[in-house]
């Protein structure tokens, strides 16, 4: 999928191209304790449709994220989406009509359009997105595992 990210915002996509996620989990995995600097890895897991988006170049200090509220979670608008890119990987997240749209790319570049291409994408209700983040932040603050128990089996390639 190609999404044009121009000065005026996102264009060149149809919201109908994004499958609806019927479930949504945020995983925050702590690493670096043995090196004296704790950071977090982030993943979005959707069982239906089977999708796992790993924020491979995202690492944030644990104390910073513990203080987050729903107002701090990654999200933007059509005109100003949340966008992050590093070493070819990229992600864009935005809200439109009560849905959160997520698209991840692996660094494939469309030279003709001078835009990133995206290999995984879905949309999820704002309510489910916020609930996934709230649960992950609560687990982080209480020191519980970052991976919640799954309410139903997920394909083995997701774990």
C-alpha atoms as a PDB file:
ATOM      1  CA  UNK A   1       0.000   0.000   0.000  1.00  0.00           C
ATOM      2  CA  UNK A   2       1.170   3.490  -0.725  1.00  0.00           C
ATOM      3  CA  UNK A   3       0.137   6.468   1.350  1.00  0.00           C
ATOM      4  CA  UNK A   4       1.252   9.902   0.278  1.00  0.00           C
ATOM      5  CA  UNK A   5       2.537  11.982   3.174  1.00  0.00           C
ATOM      6  CA  UNK A   6       2.612  15.478   1.770  1.00  0.00           C
ATOM      7  CA  UNK A   7       2.902  18.908   3.390  1.00  0.00           C
ATOM      8  CA  UNK A   8      -0.911  19.034   3.678  1.00  0.00           C
ATOM      9  CA  UNK A   9      -1.180  15.598   5.332  1.00  0.00           C
ATOM     10  CA  UNK A  10      -1.988  12.057   4.230  1.00  0.00           C
ATOM     11  CA  UNK A  11      -3.588  11.281   0.849  1.00  0.00           C
ATOM     12  CA  UNK A  12      -3.696   8.530  -1.760  1.00  0.00           C
ATOM     13  CA  UNK A  13      -5.401   5.831   0.296  1.00  0.00           C
ATOM     14  CA  UNK A  14      -8.923   4.635   0.923  1.00  0.00           C
ATOM     15  CA  UNK A  15     -10.023   3.956   4.521  1.00  0.00           C
ATOM     16  CA  UNK A  16     -11.863   0.896   3.180  1.00  0.00           C
ATOM     17  CA  UNK A  17      -8.497  -0.710   2.333  1.00  0.00           C
ATOM     18  CA  UNK A  18      -7.760  -1.064   6.053  1.00  0.00           C
ATOM     19  CA  UNK A  19      -9.176  -4.226   7.645  1.00  0.00           C
ATOM     20  CA  UNK A  20     -11.010  -3.713  10.929  1.00  0.00           C
ATOM     21  CA  UNK A  21      -9.204  -5.125  13.950  1.00  0.00           C
ATOM     22  CA  UNK A  22     -11.665  -6.849  16.228  1.00  0.00           C
ATOM     23  CA  UNK A  23      -9.105  -7.024  19.025  1.00  0.00           C
ATOM     24  CA  UNK A  24      -6.003  -5.022  19.849  1.00  0.00           C
ATOM     25  CA  UNK A  25      -3.186  -5.488  22.346  1.00  0.00           C
ATOM     26  CA  UNK A  26      -0.214  -3.289  23.159  1.00  0.00           C
ATOM     27  CA  UNK A  27       2.927  -5.068  24.359  1.00  0.00           C
ATOM     28  CA  UNK A  28       5.573  -3.075  26.221  1.00  0.00           C
ATOM     29  CA  UNK A  29       8.679  -5.211  26.786  1.00  0.00           C
ATOM     30  CA  UNK A  30      11.366  -3.943  29.170  1.00  0.00           C
ATOM     31  CA  UNK A  31      14.974  -4.526  28.138  1.00  0.00           C
ATOM     32  CA  UNK A  32      18.410  -3.253  29.146  1.00  0.00           C
ATOM     33  CA  UNK A  33      18.114  -3.840  32.907  1.00  0.00           C
ATOM     34  CA  UNK A  34      21.470  -5.644  32.872  1.00  0.00           C
ATOM     35  CA  UNK A  35      23.066  -2.633  31.151  1.00  0.00           C
ATOM     36  CA  UNK A  36      21.765  -0.153  33.717  1.00  0.00           C
ATOM     37  CA  UNK A  37      19.405   1.700  31.374  1.00  0.00           C
ATOM     38  CA  UNK A  38      15.900   0.310  31.063  1.00  0.00           C
ATOM     39  CA  UNK A  39      14.116   0.915  27.780  1.00  0.00           C
ATOM     40  CA  UNK A  40      10.914  -0.360  26.251  1.00  0.00           C
ATOM     41  CA  UNK A  41      10.160  -2.192  23.056  1.00  0.00           C
ATOM     42  CA  UNK A  42       6.683  -1.749  21.657  1.00  0.00           C
ATOM     43  CA  UNK A  43       4.465  -4.065  19.600  1.00  0.00           C
ATOM     44  CA  UNK A  44       0.860  -3.924  18.438  1.00  0.00           C
ATOM     45  CA  UNK A  45      -0.808  -7.331  18.235  1.00  0.00           C
ATOM     46  CA  UNK A  46      -4.070  -7.990  16.409  1.00  0.00           C
ATOM     47  CA  UNK A  47      -5.371 -11.567  16.291  1.00  0.00           C
ATOM     48  CA  UNK A  48      -8.020 -10.851  13.654  1.00  0.00           C
ATOM     49  CA  UNK A  49      -6.751 -10.069  11.053  1.00  0.00           C
ATOM     50  CA  UNK A  50      -3.477 -11.715  12.139  1.00  0.00           C
ATOM     51  CA  UNK A  51      -1.048  -8.805  12.393  1.00  0.00           C
ATOM     52  CA  UNK A  52       1.935  -7.984  14.588  1.00  0.00           C
ATOM     53  CA  UNK A  53       3.567  -4.598  14.236  1.00  0.00           C
ATOM     54  CA  UNK A  54       6.889  -4.304  16.018  1.00  0.00           C
ATOM     55  CA  UNK A  55       8.236  -0.826  16.500  1.00  0.00           C
ATOM     56  CA  UNK A  56      11.741  -2.154  15.847  1.00  0.00           C
ATOM     57  CA  UNK A  57      13.598   1.143  16.206  1.00  0.00           C
ATOM     58  CA  UNK A  58      11.459   2.554  19.010  1.00  0.00           C
ATOM     59  CA  UNK A  59      12.926   2.526  22.466  1.00  0.00           C
ATOM     60  CA  UNK A  60      11.896   4.885  25.174  1.00  0.00           C
ATOM     61  CA  UNK A  61      12.987   5.215  28.809  1.00  0.00           C
ATOM     62  CA  UNK A  62      10.731   3.219  31.104  1.00  0.00           C
ATOM     63  CA  UNK A  63      10.205   6.078  33.562  1.00  0.00           C
ATOM     64  CA  UNK A  64       9.043   8.385  30.775  1.00  0.00           C
ATOM     65  CA  UNK A  65       6.415   5.909  29.540  1.00  0.00           C
ATOM     66  CA  UNK A  66       5.227   5.045  33.071  1.00  0.00           C
ATOM     67  CA  UNK A  67       4.112   8.668  33.369  1.00  0.00           C
ATOM     68  CA  UNK A  68       2.110   8.596  30.118  1.00  0.00           C
ATOM     69  CA  UNK A  69      -1.635   9.021  29.927  1.00  0.00           C
ATOM     70  CA  UNK A  70      -3.887   8.289  26.957  1.00  0.00           C
ATOM     71  CA  UNK A  71      -3.118  11.819  25.733  1.00  0.00           C
ATOM     72  CA  UNK A  72       0.548  10.787  25.212  1.00  0.00           C
ATOM     73  CA  UNK A  73       0.084   7.606  23.163  1.00  0.00           C
ATOM     74  CA  UNK A  74       1.157   7.559  19.498  1.00  0.00           C
ATOM     75  CA  UNK A  75      -1.610   9.018  17.359  1.00  0.00           C
ATOM     76  CA  UNK A  76      -2.087  11.915  15.009  1.00  0.00           C
ATOM     77  CA  UNK A  77      -4.538  13.338  12.539  1.00  0.00           C
ATOM     78  CA  UNK A  78      -4.921  13.161   8.782  1.00  0.00           C
ATOM     79  CA  UNK A  79      -3.224  16.558   8.485  1.00  0.00           C
ATOM     80  CA  UNK A  80      -0.539  15.821  11.082  1.00  0.00           C
ATOM     81  CA  UNK A  81      -0.109  12.054  11.562  1.00  0.00           C
ATOM     82  CA  UNK A  82       2.178  10.438  14.089  1.00  0.00           C
ATOM     83  CA  UNK A  83       5.127   9.326  11.958  1.00  0.00           C
ATOM     84  CA  UNK A  84       8.359   7.619  12.881  1.00  0.00           C
ATOM     85  CA  UNK A  85      11.099   6.265  10.657  1.00  0.00           C
ATOM     86  CA  UNK A  86      14.551   4.798  11.220  1.00  0.00           C
ATOM     87  CA  UNK A  87      16.893   2.692   9.099  1.00  0.00           C
ATOM     88  CA  UNK A  88      14.231   1.958   6.496  1.00  0.00           C
ATOM     89  CA  UNK A  89      11.470   1.055   8.936  1.00  0.00           C
ATOM     90  CA  UNK A  90       8.529   3.452   9.223  1.00  0.00           C
ATOM     91  CA  UNK A  91       5.135   3.737  10.861  1.00  0.00           C
ATOM     92  CA  UNK A  92       2.279   6.174  10.539  1.00  0.00           C
ATOM     93  CA  UNK A  93      -0.690   6.402  12.951  1.00  0.00           C
ATOM     94  CA  UNK A  94      -3.698   8.713  12.659  1.00  0.00           C
ATOM     95  CA  UNK A  95      -7.287   9.094  13.768  1.00  0.00           C
ATOM     96  CA  UNK A  96     -10.195   9.507  11.377  1.00  0.00           C
ATOM     97  CA  UNK A  97     -13.922   9.224  12.139  1.00  0.00           C
ATOM     98  CA  UNK A  98     -13.530   7.372  15.441  1.00  0.00           C
ATOM     99  CA  UNK A  99     -10.969   4.896  14.069  1.00  0.00           C
ATOM    100  CA  UNK A 100      -7.213   4.698  14.518  1.00  0.00           C
ATOM    101  CA  UNK A 101      -5.344   3.791  11.332  1.00  0.00           C
ATOM    102  CA  UNK A 102      -1.929   2.105  11.582  1.00  0.00           C
ATOM    103  CA  UNK A 103       0.421   1.420   8.657  1.00  0.00           C
ATOM    104  CA  UNK A 104       3.949  -0.042   8.907  1.00  0.00           C
ATOM    105  CA  UNK A 105       6.602  -0.212   6.217  1.00  0.00           C
ATOM    106  CA  UNK A 106       9.829  -2.161   5.935  1.00  0.00           C
ATOM    107  CA  UNK A 107      11.758   0.420   3.991  1.00  0.00           C
ATOM    108  CA  UNK A 108      10.494  -0.204   0.487  1.00  0.00           C
ATOM    109  CA  UNK A 109      10.606   3.051  -1.433  1.00  0.00           C
ATOM    110  CA  UNK A 110       8.546   3.857  -4.510  1.00  0.00           C
ATOM    111  CA  UNK A 111      10.984   5.955  -6.548  1.00  0.00           C
ATOM    112  CA  UNK A 112       8.356   7.137  -9.037  1.00  0.00           C
ATOM    113  CA  UNK A 113       6.181   8.632  -6.300  1.00  0.00           C
ATOM    114  CA  UNK A 114       9.032   9.322  -3.871  1.00  0.00           C
ATOM    115  CA  UNK A 115       7.024   7.778  -1.041  1.00  0.00           C
ATOM    116  CA  UNK A 116       7.331   4.890   1.399  1.00  0.00           C
ATOM    117  CA  UNK A 117       5.301   1.776   0.782  1.00  0.00           C
ATOM    118  CA  UNK A 118       3.536   0.012   3.625  1.00  0.00           C
ATOM    119  CA  UNK A 119       3.404  -3.755   4.115  1.00  0.00           C
ATOM    120  CA  UNK A 120       1.081  -4.108   7.118  1.00  0.00           C
ATOM    121  CA  UNK A 121      -1.953  -2.034   7.984  1.00  0.00           C
ATOM    122  CA  UNK A 122      -5.204  -2.117   9.931  1.00  0.00           C
ATOM    123  CA  UNK A 123      -7.705   0.139  11.630  1.00  0.00           C
ATOM    124  CA  UNK A 124      -9.094  -0.179  15.129  1.00  0.00           C
ATOM    125  CA  UNK A 125     -11.770   1.714  17.022  1.00  0.00           C
ATOM    126  CA  UNK A 126     -10.530   4.629  19.126  1.00  0.00           C
ATOM    127  CA  UNK A 127     -12.070   2.933  22.170  1.00  0.00           C
ATOM    128  CA  UNK A 128     -10.176  -0.341  21.610  1.00  0.00           C
ATOM    129  CA  UNK A 129      -6.911   1.501  20.842  1.00  0.00           C
ATOM    130  CA  UNK A 130      -7.156   3.564  24.032  1.00  0.00           C
ATOM    131  CA  UNK A 131      -8.110   0.468  26.074  1.00  0.00           C
ATOM    132  CA  UNK A 132      -5.105  -1.470  24.712  1.00  0.00           C
ATOM    133  CA  UNK A 133      -2.750   1.327  25.689  1.00  0.00           C
ATOM    134  CA  UNK A 134      -4.390   1.865  29.084  1.00  0.00           C
ATOM    135  CA  UNK A 135      -4.030  -1.832  29.946  1.00  0.00           C
ATOM    136  CA  UNK A 136      -0.362  -1.891  28.824  1.00  0.00           C
ATOM    137  CA  UNK A 137       0.471   1.224  30.844  1.00  0.00           C
ATOM    138  CA  UNK A 138      -1.301  -0.209  33.904  1.00  0.00           C
ATOM    139  CA  UNK A 139       0.732  -3.449  33.589  1.00  0.00           C
ATOM    140  CA  UNK A 140       3.932  -1.432  33.255  1.00  0.00           C
ATOM    141  CA  UNK A 141       3.179   0.672  36.336  1.00  0.00           C
ATOM    142  CA  UNK A 142       2.387  -2.363  38.498  1.00  0.00           C
ATOM    143  CA  UNK A 143       5.408  -4.330  37.294  1.00  0.00           C
ATOM    144  CA  UNK A 144       3.321  -7.084  35.739  1.00  0.00           C
ATOM    145  CA  UNK A 145       4.319  -8.842  32.564  1.00  0.00           C
ATOM    146  CA  UNK A 146       3.995  -6.686  29.482  1.00  0.00           C
ATOM    147  CA  UNK A 147       2.328  -9.475  27.526  1.00  0.00           C
ATOM    148  CA  UNK A 148      -1.244  -9.941  28.685  1.00  0.00           C
ATOM    149  CA  UNK A 149      -2.858 -13.361  28.678  1.00  0.00           C
ATOM    150  CA  UNK A 150      -4.615 -13.857  25.368  1.00  0.00           C
ATOM    151  CA  UNK A 151      -8.331 -14.377  25.447  1.00  0.00           C
ATOM    152  CA  UNK A 152      -8.065 -16.631  22.395  1.00  0.00           C
ATOM    153  CA  UNK A 153      -5.275 -18.360  20.504  1.00  0.00           C
ATOM    154  CA  UNK A 154      -3.123 -16.315  18.174  1.00  0.00           C
ATOM    155  CA  UNK A 155      -1.276 -17.809  15.224  1.00  0.00           C
ATOM    156  CA  UNK A 156       2.148 -19.035  16.316  1.00  0.00           C
ATOM    157  CA  UNK A 157       4.004 -16.623  14.028  1.00  0.00           C
ATOM    158  CA  UNK A 158       2.636 -13.740  16.087  1.00  0.00           C
ATOM    159  CA  UNK A 159       4.328 -14.794  19.320  1.00  0.00           C
END
